[in-house]
Amino acid sequence: MDRRAFVSGVTLALLAAPVAADAQQAGKPVRIGWLSATSPDRGPEQQRPIVERHLRQSGWTPHFELRYAEGNLDRLAAMAEELASARLAVIVAPDTQGALAAKKAMATIPIVMSSADPVGAGLVASLAKPGGNITGVSAAFDDSFAGKWVELLRDIGAGSSIAVVWNPASPTVAGRISVIERAAANHGFRLHRLEIRSAADVDAVVQALARTSVGGLIFDADLTMIPYLPRIVEATRRHRVPSVFAFAPQAAAGGLLAYGPSLTDIYRLIGVYVDRILRGAKPSELPVEQMRKYDLIINLKTAKALGLTIPQSLL
């Protein structure tokens, strides 16, 4: 049996299981922590209302304690400690960095996370048996994703060289970069690596796009770079560089293409897991769900501005 199908089946069975008699009663107000490495006004964070809507439909009245690091990872530890002492029912960590900080600060508070590679990042022991106090959703940015981003640039006729914007400090980036390097070599691209570790690096990346003749750009899936997205998108448009992103809102913000897991499904599942935990389920007994629905988004307005004709095969 396919491993993902097995994990999904186990998860669905557990989600349908009877709740514990001593669980919190639906309808009571609940305080939920939200710890994110990124910003509240950009990218996937705009999907948080999906979680709140699911909880309200399930009978809860959630109050969120929100903490956003705005891309500054040094702030996460202190924010996690604040939430750990705030008498919360559940912590939601919608990115790997936030989840790692939450796990370090909280040994008993249930944590619902989203991560590209929760096993590789050390968040859970395994997808089927996460153990401990953390479970959630695997966004599954495996080799096929990173390779697909390169293939999309090939399909739109990118030039002989491409660039990838990435954060070397990300705990999940190494595998994706290796796949991008191999895919670029296989398709005859010369690859430029443009690093963003903090806001101080954005100017250098923008300048590199101005002086380096690249036929396409990949913006890695690391969410700590979301605050820098507007400047990168504006630079790609100004220098007429086709760009590929991981999430639909990034293409909607002006990028050319996006390919990755459905954010709507990720956040809906986060809501499902929070609801189950509030009703008494233990995180250690809820297998991590792997995403199997993906979005391919093409911004035709951006394509027109870049003077590109998108191949009919992509459309």
Protein backbone atom coordinates (compact mmCIF):
# COMPACT_ATOMS: atom_id res chain seq x y z
CA MET A 1 0.00 0.00 0.00
CA ASP A 2 1.20 3.53 -0.78
CA ARG A 3 2.73 5.01 2.42
CA ARG A 4 0.90 8.31 2.04
CA ALA A 5 -2.41 6.54 1.48
CA PHE A 6 -1.78 4.47 4.60
CA VAL A 7 -0.95 7.50 6.73
CA SER A 8 -3.98 9.35 5.37
CA GLY A 9 -6.24 6.40 6.08
CA VAL A 10 -4.99 6.04 9.64
CA THR A 11 -5.45 9.76 10.21
CA LEU A 12 -9.01 9.79 8.91
CA ALA A 13 -9.87 6.83 11.13
CA LEU A 14 -8.50 8.62 14.17
CA LEU A 15 -10.34 11.80 13.30
CA ALA A 16 -13.57 9.80 13.37
CA ALA A 17 -12.80 8.16 16.74
CA PRO A 18 -14.92 8.87 19.84
CA VAL A 19 -13.69 11.74 21.99
CA ALA A 20 -12.55 11.42 25.56
CA ALA A 21 -15.23 11.94 28.18
CA ASP A 22 -13.11 14.44 30.10
CA ALA A 23 -12.28 16.59 27.06
CA GLN A 24 -13.13 20.27 26.96
CA GLN A 25 -16.77 20.75 26.02
CA ALA A 26 -17.54 22.28 22.63
CA GLY A 27 -18.96 25.78 22.86
CA LYS A 28 -16.55 26.92 25.57
CA PRO A 29 -14.12 29.73 24.69
CA VAL A 30 -10.61 28.40 24.02
CA ARG A 31 -7.27 30.19 24.00
CA ILE A 32 -4.96 29.12 21.20
CA GLY A 33 -1.38 30.21 20.65
CA TRP A 34 -0.12 31.08 17.16
CA LEU A 35 3.64 31.16 16.67
CA SER A 36 5.00 31.98 13.23
CA ALA A 37 8.37 32.92 11.80
CA THR A 38 6.77 35.11 9.16
CA SER A 39 4.45 38.15 9.00
CA PRO A 40 0.70 38.47 9.70
CA ASP A 41 -0.09 40.35 6.52
CA ARG A 42 1.59 38.28 3.79
CA GLY A 43 1.61 34.83 2.28
CA PRO A 44 0.24 31.78 4.10
CA GLU A 45 -0.54 33.76 7.27
CA GLN A 46 -3.50 35.25 5.42
CA GLN A 47 -5.04 31.77 5.57
CA ARG A 48 -5.47 31.80 9.36
CA PRO A 49 -9.20 32.67 9.07
CA ILE A 50 -9.67 29.18 7.59
CA VAL A 51 -8.59 27.70 10.93
CA GLU A 52 -10.81 30.06 12.91
CA ARG A 53 -13.81 29.37 10.67
CA HIS A 54 -13.44 25.61 11.06
CA LEU A 55 -13.23 25.90 14.83
CA ARG A 56 -16.32 28.11 15.03
CA GLN A 57 -18.22 25.69 12.80
CA SER A 58 -17.16 22.92 15.18
CA GLY A 59 -18.67 24.76 18.12
CA TRP A 60 -15.65 26.54 19.60
CA THR A 61 -15.11 30.23 20.29
CA PRO A 62 -11.36 30.63 19.71
CA HIS A 63 -9.22 33.46 21.01
CA PHE A 64 -5.79 33.57 19.40
CA GLU A 65 -2.61 34.75 21.11
CA LEU A 66 -0.60 35.81 18.05
CA ARG A 67 3.18 35.97 17.82
CA TYR A 68 4.95 36.77 14.52
CA ALA A 69 8.74 36.92 14.20
CA GLU A 70 8.54 38.91 10.94
CA GLY A 71 11.43 36.87 9.53
CA ASN A 72 13.70 37.49 12.55
CA LEU A 73 14.31 33.97 13.84
CA ASP A 74 16.12 35.26 16.91
CA ARG A 75 12.76 36.43 18.28
CA LEU A 76 11.10 33.02 18.18
CA ALA A 77 12.56 31.58 21.39
CA ALA A 78 11.31 34.45 23.55
CA MET A 79 7.89 34.36 21.86
CA ALA A 80 7.62 30.62 22.46
CA GLU A 81 8.44 31.15 26.15
CA GLU A 82 5.71 33.80 26.39
CA LEU A 83 3.15 31.42 24.93
CA ALA A 84 4.35 28.57 27.14
CA SER A 85 3.38 30.56 30.22
CA ALA A 86 0.06 31.86 28.87
CA ARG A 87 -2.20 28.93 29.91
CA LEU A 88 -3.17 27.98 26.35
CA ALA A 89 -5.08 24.90 25.22
CA VAL A 90 -3.15 24.37 21.96
CA ILE A 91 -0.29 26.01 20.05
CA VAL A 92 -0.44 26.34 16.26
CA ALA A 93 2.92 26.67 14.50
CA PRO A 94 2.30 27.04 10.75
CA ASP A 95 5.97 26.88 9.74
CA THR A 96 8.98 24.73 10.63
CA GLN A 97 10.91 27.43 12.49
CA GLY A 98 7.95 28.31 14.69
CA ALA A 99 7.30 24.64 15.37
CA LEU A 100 10.91 24.02 16.41
CA ALA A 101 10.81 26.96 18.83
CA ALA A 102 7.49 25.78 20.26
CA LYS A 103 8.74 22.22 20.72
CA LYS A 104 11.82 23.43 22.58
CA ALA A 105 9.81 25.66 24.94
CA MET A 106 6.80 23.40 25.56
CA ALA A 107 6.95 19.83 26.76
CA THR A 108 3.27 19.32 27.50
CA ILE A 109 1.14 21.87 25.61
CA PRO A 110 -0.21 20.24 22.41
CA ILE A 111 1.34 21.68 19.23
CA VAL A 112 -0.22 21.51 15.77
CA MET A 113 2.35 22.33 13.10
CA SER A 114 2.83 22.56 9.36
CA SER A 115 6.26 21.67 8.03
CA ALA A 116 7.85 20.75 4.74
CA ASP A 117 9.73 17.87 6.37
CA PRO A 118 8.69 17.32 10.01
CA VAL A 119 10.74 14.13 10.37
CA GLY A 120 13.89 15.58 8.84
CA ALA A 121 13.54 18.74 10.93
CA GLY A 122 13.32 16.66 14.11
CA LEU A 123 9.78 17.70 14.98
CA VAL A 124 8.30 14.18 15.08
CA ALA A 125 9.68 10.67 15.33
CA SER A 126 7.72 9.49 12.28
CA LEU A 127 4.67 10.48 10.28
CA ALA A 128 2.62 7.50 11.42
CA LYS A 129 3.65 7.74 15.08
CA PRO A 130 4.73 11.32 15.83
CA GLY A 131 5.13 10.76 19.58
CA GLY A 132 5.46 13.57 22.10
CA ASN A 133 3.17 16.60 22.08
CA ILE A 134 3.30 17.61 18.41
CA THR A 135 1.48 16.58 15.23
CA GLY A 136 -0.01 18.28 12.18
CA VAL A 137 0.51 18.52 8.45
CA SER A 138 3.46 17.72 6.21
CA ALA A 139 3.49 20.09 3.24
CA ALA A 140 5.64 17.45 1.51
CA PHE A 141 8.13 19.60 -0.35
CA ASP A 142 9.98 16.55 -1.55
CA ASP A 143 12.32 16.18 -4.51
CA SER A 144 9.51 16.35 -7.06
CA PHE A 145 8.55 19.87 -5.97
CA ALA A 146 11.98 21.44 -6.30
CA GLY A 147 12.55 19.70 -9.61
CA LYS A 148 9.17 20.86 -10.88
CA TRP A 149 10.06 24.50 -10.23
CA VAL A 150 13.06 24.11 -12.55
CA GLU A 151 10.92 22.31 -15.15
CA LEU A 152 8.41 25.18 -15.15
CA LEU A 153 11.18 27.64 -16.01
CA ARG A 154 12.29 25.28 -18.78
CA ASP A 155 8.72 25.04 -20.09
CA ILE A 156 8.32 28.81 -20.42
CA GLY A 157 11.62 29.09 -22.26
CA ALA A 158 13.90 30.59 -19.61
CA GLY A 159 17.40 31.52 -20.74
CA SER A 160 20.61 29.60 -20.14
CA SER A 161 20.95 30.63 -16.49
CA ILE A 162 18.51 30.76 -13.57
CA ALA A 163 18.72 31.88 -9.96
CA VAL A 164 17.34 30.55 -6.69
CA VAL A 165 16.64 32.84 -3.72
CA TRP A 166 17.04 30.87 -0.51
CA ASN A 167 17.77 31.07 3.21
CA PRO A 168 20.72 28.80 4.13
CA ALA A 169 19.65 28.97 7.80
CA SER A 170 16.40 27.14 7.09
CA PRO A 171 16.36 23.66 8.66
CA THR A 172 14.60 22.13 5.64
CA VAL A 173 16.26 23.86 2.68
CA ALA A 174 19.33 21.67 2.03
CA GLY A 175 17.44 18.87 0.27
CA ARG A 176 15.50 21.25 -1.99
CA ILE A 177 18.64 23.11 -3.04
CA SER A 178 20.37 19.84 -3.91
CA VAL A 179 17.42 18.85 -6.08
CA ILE A 180 17.33 22.28 -7.75
CA GLU A 181 21.07 22.01 -8.48
CA ARG A 182 20.67 18.58 -10.08
CA ALA A 183 17.59 19.60 -12.06
CA ALA A 184 19.28 22.76 -13.31
CA ALA A 185 22.28 20.74 -14.49
CA ASN A 186 20.05 18.14 -16.15
CA HIS A 187 18.18 20.84 -18.10
CA GLY A 188 21.32 22.73 -19.09
CA PHE A 189 20.88 25.75 -16.78
CA ARG A 190 23.66 27.58 -15.00
CA LEU A 191 22.47 28.20 -11.44
CA HIS A 192 23.05 31.34 -9.35
CA ARG A 193 22.44 31.02 -5.58
CA LEU A 194 21.19 34.25 -3.98
CA GLU A 195 21.07 34.12 -0.18
CA ILE A 196 18.66 35.96 2.13
CA ARG A 197 19.32 35.36 5.82
CA SER A 198 17.79 38.66 6.99
CA ALA A 199 16.41 41.95 5.68
CA ALA A 200 19.99 43.22 5.33
CA ASP A 201 20.55 40.78 2.44
CA VAL A 202 17.62 41.89 0.26
CA ASP A 203 19.45 44.82 -1.34
CA ALA A 204 22.26 42.52 -2.46
CA VAL A 205 19.78 40.11 -4.06
CA VAL A 206 17.99 42.94 -5.89
CA GLN A 207 21.34 44.26 -7.14
CA ALA A 208 22.36 40.78 -8.27
CA LEU A 209 19.19 40.50 -10.35
CA ALA A 210 20.06 43.83 -11.96
CA ARG A 211 23.61 42.91 -12.93
CA THR A 212 23.25 39.16 -13.55
CA SER A 213 21.60 38.03 -16.73
CA VAL A 214 19.24 35.29 -15.52
CA GLY A 215 16.36 33.84 -17.47
CA GLY A 216 14.29 32.84 -14.46
CA LEU A 217 14.14 32.90 -10.67
CA ILE A 218 12.99 30.38 -8.06
CA PHE A 219 11.88 31.77 -4.69
CA ASP A 220 12.33 28.94 -2.19
CA ALA A 221 9.48 27.77 0.03
CA ASP A 222 11.08 28.98 3.28
CA LEU A 223 8.45 31.15 4.97
CA THR A 224 10.94 33.39 6.77
CA MET A 225 11.51 35.12 3.42
CA ILE A 226 7.85 36.09 2.98
CA PRO A 227 8.41 39.64 4.36
CA TYR A 228 10.90 40.27 1.53
CA LEU A 229 8.58 39.04 -1.20
CA PRO A 230 7.27 42.43 -2.43
CA ARG A 231 10.76 43.76 -3.19
CA ILE A 232 11.83 40.54 -4.91
CA VAL A 233 8.66 40.44 -7.04
CA GLU A 234 9.07 44.10 -7.97
CA ALA A 235 12.70 43.45 -8.98
CA THR A 236 11.75 40.48 -11.17
CA ARG A 237 9.13 42.58 -12.93
CA ARG A 238 11.48 45.55 -13.37
CA HIS A 239 14.25 43.37 -14.80
CA ARG A 240 11.81 41.13 -16.70
CA VAL A 241 12.78 37.91 -14.91
CA PRO A 242 10.14 35.14 -14.89
CA SER A 243 9.66 33.86 -11.34
CA VAL A 244 8.43 30.63 -9.75
CA PHE A 245 7.09 30.40 -6.18
CA ALA A 246 5.72 27.73 -3.86
CA PHE A 247 2.38 29.22 -2.80
CA ALA A 248 -0.58 30.63 -4.71
CA PRO A 249 -0.63 34.02 -2.89
CA GLN A 250 2.92 34.65 -4.08
CA ALA A 251 1.83 34.41 -7.70
CA ALA A 252 -1.21 36.54 -6.92
CA ALA A 253 1.17 39.15 -5.46
CA GLY A 254 2.81 39.55 -8.87
CA GLY A 255 4.98 36.50 -9.39
CA LEU A 256 4.60 34.58 -12.63
CA LEU A 257 4.08 30.99 -11.47
CA ALA A 258 3.37 29.12 -8.26
CA TYR A 259 3.39 25.37 -7.69
CA GLY A 260 2.92 23.74 -4.30
CA PRO A 261 0.51 22.26 -1.79
CA SER A 262 -2.94 23.77 -1.47
CA LEU A 263 -2.82 26.31 1.35
CA THR A 264 -6.56 26.01 1.79
CA ASP A 265 -6.21 22.30 2.52
CA ILE A 266 -3.21 22.79 4.83
CA TYR A 267 -5.03 25.28 7.03
CA ARG A 268 -8.28 23.32 6.95
CA LEU A 269 -6.39 20.29 8.27
CA ILE A 270 -4.73 22.41 10.96
CA GLY A 271 -8.23 23.37 12.09
CA VAL A 272 -9.29 19.72 12.11
CA TYR A 273 -6.32 18.73 14.27
CA VAL A 274 -6.86 21.59 16.74
CA ASP A 275 -10.52 20.58 17.08
CA ARG A 276 -9.65 16.94 17.72
CA ILE A 277 -7.08 17.87 20.36
CA LEU A 278 -9.52 20.19 22.09
CA ARG A 279 -11.91 17.23 22.26
CA GLY A 280 -9.32 15.07 23.97
CA ALA A 281 -7.21 13.43 21.26
CA LYS A 282 -3.49 13.12 22.04
CA PRO A 283 -1.01 14.58 19.51
CA SER A 284 1.17 11.48 19.86
CA GLU A 285 -1.71 9.37 18.54
CA LEU A 286 -2.63 11.58 15.55
CA PRO A 287 -0.48 10.66 12.52
CA VAL A 288 0.95 13.56 10.56
CA GLU A 289 -1.14 14.10 7.43
CA GLN A 290 0.69 14.39 4.10
CA MET A 291 -0.70 16.79 1.52
CA ARG A 292 -1.82 15.28 -1.78
CA LYS A 293 -3.54 18.26 -3.43
CA TYR A 294 -1.36 20.81 -5.21
CA ASP A 295 -1.98 24.13 -6.92
CA LEU A 296 -0.43 25.34 -10.18
CA ILE A 297 -1.08 29.07 -10.53
CA ILE A 298 -0.18 31.17 -13.58
CA ASN A 299 -0.44 34.96 -13.34
CA LEU A 300 -1.36 35.91 -16.92
CA LYS A 301 -1.17 39.62 -16.10
CA THR A 302 2.46 39.20 -15.07
CA ALA A 303 3.14 37.08 -18.16
CA LYS A 304 1.81 39.90 -20.34
CA ALA A 305 3.94 42.48 -18.52
CA LEU A 306 7.02 40.30 -19.10
CA GLY A 307 6.17 39.82 -22.76
CA LEU A 308 5.82 36.06 -22.33
CA THR A 309 3.51 33.68 -24.11
CA ILE A 310 2.65 30.79 -21.79
CA PRO A 311 2.75 27.47 -23.66
CA GLN A 312 -0.64 25.89 -24.20
CA SER A 313 0.60 22.71 -22.52
CA LEU A 314 0.92 24.64 -19.24
CA LEU A 315 -2.39 26.43 -19.65
